[in-house]
C-alpha atoms as a PDB file:
ATOM      1  CA  MET A   1      95.555 -85.033  59.685  1.00  0.00           C
ATOM      2  CA  ARG A   2      99.107 -86.204  59.977  1.00  0.00           C
ATOM      3  CA  ALA A   3     100.220 -88.616  62.635  1.00  0.00           C
ATOM      4  CA  ALA A   4     102.886 -86.199  63.864  1.00  0.00           C
ATOM      5  CA  VAL A   5     103.696 -86.446  67.490  1.00  0.00           C
ATOM      6  CA  MET A   6     106.319 -85.042  69.869  1.00  0.00           C
ATOM      7  CA  PHE A   7     107.553 -86.278  73.223  1.00  0.00           C
ATOM      8  CA  ASN A   8     107.880 -84.091  76.290  1.00  0.00           C
ATOM      9  CA  ARG A   9     110.568 -84.469  78.965  1.00  0.00           C
ATOM     10  CA  LYS A  10     108.519 -87.054  80.809  1.00  0.00           C
ATOM     11  CA  LYS A  11     108.261 -89.148  77.655  1.00  0.00           C
ATOM     12  CA  LYS A  12     104.582 -88.349  77.204  1.00  0.00           C
ATOM     13  CA  ILE A  13     103.250 -88.169  73.638  1.00  0.00           C
ATOM     14  CA  ILE A  14     102.022 -84.733  72.478  1.00  0.00           C
ATOM     15  CA  PRO A  15     100.031 -84.820  69.240  1.00  0.00           C
ATOM     16  CA  LEU A  16     100.867 -82.062  66.769  1.00  0.00           C
ATOM     17  CA  THR A  17      98.380 -80.351  64.430  1.00  0.00           C
ATOM     18  CA  ASP A  18      99.212 -79.871  60.816  1.00  0.00           C
ATOM     19  CA  GLU A  19      99.722 -76.155  61.342  1.00  0.00           C
ATOM     20  CA  LEU A  20     102.048 -76.615  64.297  1.00  0.00           C
ATOM     21  CA  HIS A  21     103.925 -79.366  62.529  1.00  0.00           C
ATOM     22  CA  ALA A  22     104.445 -77.044  59.482  1.00  0.00           C
ATOM     23  CA  LYS A  23     105.641 -74.197  61.672  1.00  0.00           C
ATOM     24  CA  LEU A  24     108.182 -76.432  63.443  1.00  0.00           C
ATOM     25  CA  ALA A  25     109.426 -77.859  60.191  1.00  0.00           C
ATOM     26  CA  ARG A  26     109.881 -74.351  58.722  1.00  0.00           C
ATOM     27  CA  ALA A  27     111.723 -73.118  61.801  1.00  0.00           C
ATOM     28  CA  PHE A  28     113.920 -76.221  61.763  1.00  0.00           C
ATOM     29  CA  THR A  29     114.718 -75.715  58.062  1.00  0.00           C
ATOM     30  CA  GLU A  30     115.510 -72.025  58.565  1.00  0.00           C
ATOM     31  CA  LYS A  31     117.852 -72.826  61.430  1.00  0.00           C
ATOM     32  CA  LEU A  32     119.618 -75.473  59.333  1.00  0.00           C
ATOM     33  CA  ASN A  33     120.077 -72.984  56.491  1.00  0.00           C
ATOM     34  CA  GLU A  34     121.546 -70.431  58.900  1.00  0.00           C
ATOM     35  CA  LEU A  35     123.976 -73.000  60.253  1.00  0.00           C
ATOM     36  CA  GLU A  36     125.011 -74.044  56.733  1.00  0.00           C
ATOM     37  CA  GLU A  37     125.684 -70.433  55.797  1.00  0.00           C
ATOM     38  CA  LEU A  38     127.656 -69.881  58.970  1.00  0.00           C
ATOM     39  CA  ASN A  39     129.669 -73.067  58.257  1.00  0.00           C
ATOM     40  CA  GLU A  40     130.456 -71.836  54.692  1.00  0.00           C
ATOM     41  CA  LYS A  41     131.711 -68.521  56.109  1.00  0.00           C
ATOM     42  CA  ASN A  42     133.805 -70.387  58.675  1.00  0.00           C
ATOM     43  CA  SER A  43     135.340 -72.563  55.967  1.00  0.00           C
ATOM     44  CA  GLU A  44     136.298 -69.424  53.990  1.00  0.00           C
ATOM     45  CA  PHE A  45     137.904 -67.967  57.118  1.00  0.00           C
ATOM     46  CA  GLU A  46     139.670 -71.300  57.819  1.00  0.00           C
ATOM     47  CA  ASN A  47     141.062 -71.340  54.236  1.00  0.00           C
ATOM     48  CA  PHE A  48     142.288 -67.764  54.632  1.00  0.00           C
ATOM     49  CA  ASP A  49     143.702 -68.505  58.119  1.00  0.00           C
ATOM     50  CA  ARG A  50     145.462 -71.632  56.817  1.00  0.00           C
ATOM     51  CA  THR A  51     147.029 -69.674  53.927  1.00  0.00           C
ATOM     52  CA  MET A  52     148.230 -66.936  56.222  1.00  0.00           C
ATOM     53  CA  HIS A  53     149.800 -69.479  58.615  1.00  0.00           C
ATOM     54  CA  LYS A  54     151.673 -71.038  55.709  1.00  0.00           C
ATOM     55  CA  LEU A  55     152.971 -67.588  54.655  1.00  0.00           C
ATOM     56  CA  ILE A  56     153.955 -66.593  58.155  1.00  0.00           C
ATOM     57  CA  LYS A  57     155.451 -69.992  58.914  1.00  0.00           C
ATOM     58  CA  GLU A  58     158.510 -69.106  56.759  1.00  0.00           C
ATOM     59  CA  PRO A  59     161.224 -67.656  59.008  1.00  0.00           C
ATOM     60  CA  HIS A  60     162.063 -63.996  58.502  1.00  0.00           C
ATOM     61  CA  SER A  61     165.774 -64.772  58.048  1.00  0.00           C
ATOM     62  CA  GLU A  62     165.021 -67.020  55.037  1.00  0.00           C
ATOM     63  CA  ILE A  63     162.728 -64.422  53.441  1.00  0.00           C
ATOM     64  CA  ARG A  64     165.335 -61.741  54.039  1.00  0.00           C
ATOM     65  CA  ALA A  65     168.148 -63.947  52.555  1.00  0.00           C
ATOM     66  CA  ALA A  66     166.076 -64.625  49.467  1.00  0.00           C
ATOM     67  CA  LEU A  67     165.281 -60.917  48.986  1.00  0.00           C
ATOM     68  CA  ASP A  68     168.953 -59.979  49.423  1.00  0.00           C
ATOM     69  CA  ALA A  69     170.051 -62.610  46.913  1.00  0.00           C
ATOM     70  CA  GLU A  70     167.492 -61.380  44.413  1.00  0.00           C
ATOM     71  CA  ARG A  71     168.595 -57.776  45.003  1.00  0.00           C
ATOM     72  CA  ALA A  72     172.283 -58.684  44.526  1.00  0.00           C
ATOM     73  CA  GLU A  73     171.537 -60.533  41.242  1.00  0.00           C
ATOM     74  CA  THR A  74     169.532 -57.547  39.951  1.00  0.00           C
ATOM     75  CA  GLN A  75     172.419 -55.259  40.875  1.00  0.00           C
ATOM     76  CA  ARG A  76     174.945 -57.484  39.026  1.00  0.00           C
ATOM     77  CA  LYS A  77     172.747 -57.488  35.905  1.00  0.00           C
ATOM     78  CA  ARG A  78     172.556 -53.645  35.985  1.00  0.00           C
ATOM     79  CA  GLU A  79     176.287 -53.373  36.382  1.00  0.00           C
ATOM     80  CA  ALA A  80     176.869 -55.825  33.569  1.00  0.00           C
ATOM     81  CA  LYS A  81     174.699 -53.736  31.249  1.00  0.00           C
ATOM     82  CA  ASN A  82     176.598 -50.561  32.116  1.00  0.00           C
ATOM     83  CA  LEU A  83     180.120 -51.975  31.568  1.00  0.00           C
ATOM     84  CA  PRO A  84     181.747 -50.895  28.319  1.00  0.00           C
ATOM     85  CA  LEU A  85     182.595 -53.588  25.828  1.00  0.00           C
ATOM     86  CA  ARG A  86     186.284 -54.634  26.039  1.00  0.00           C
ATOM     87  CA  SER A  87     188.151 -54.521  22.826  1.00  0.00           C
ATOM     88  CA  GLY A  88     190.872 -57.005  22.527  1.00  0.00           C
END
């Protein structure tokens, strides 16, 4: 028999049988596994959340200005392709 004991609220020793000790250990391990899985899911969410905050942190006016500049450059390239060659 193991020398496994537990203390109650009044600090009295309660001896545990092997069977009870095994059940408590299994329950404790299962709870730890559940908490670890939950923590992994939370860290995935935190990574996603952090990425979204970085994306949203950029002001709309800056995003709009970059898109407009890109659009204008694309338009200039199209117009340059369509211009006839000048003969001199």
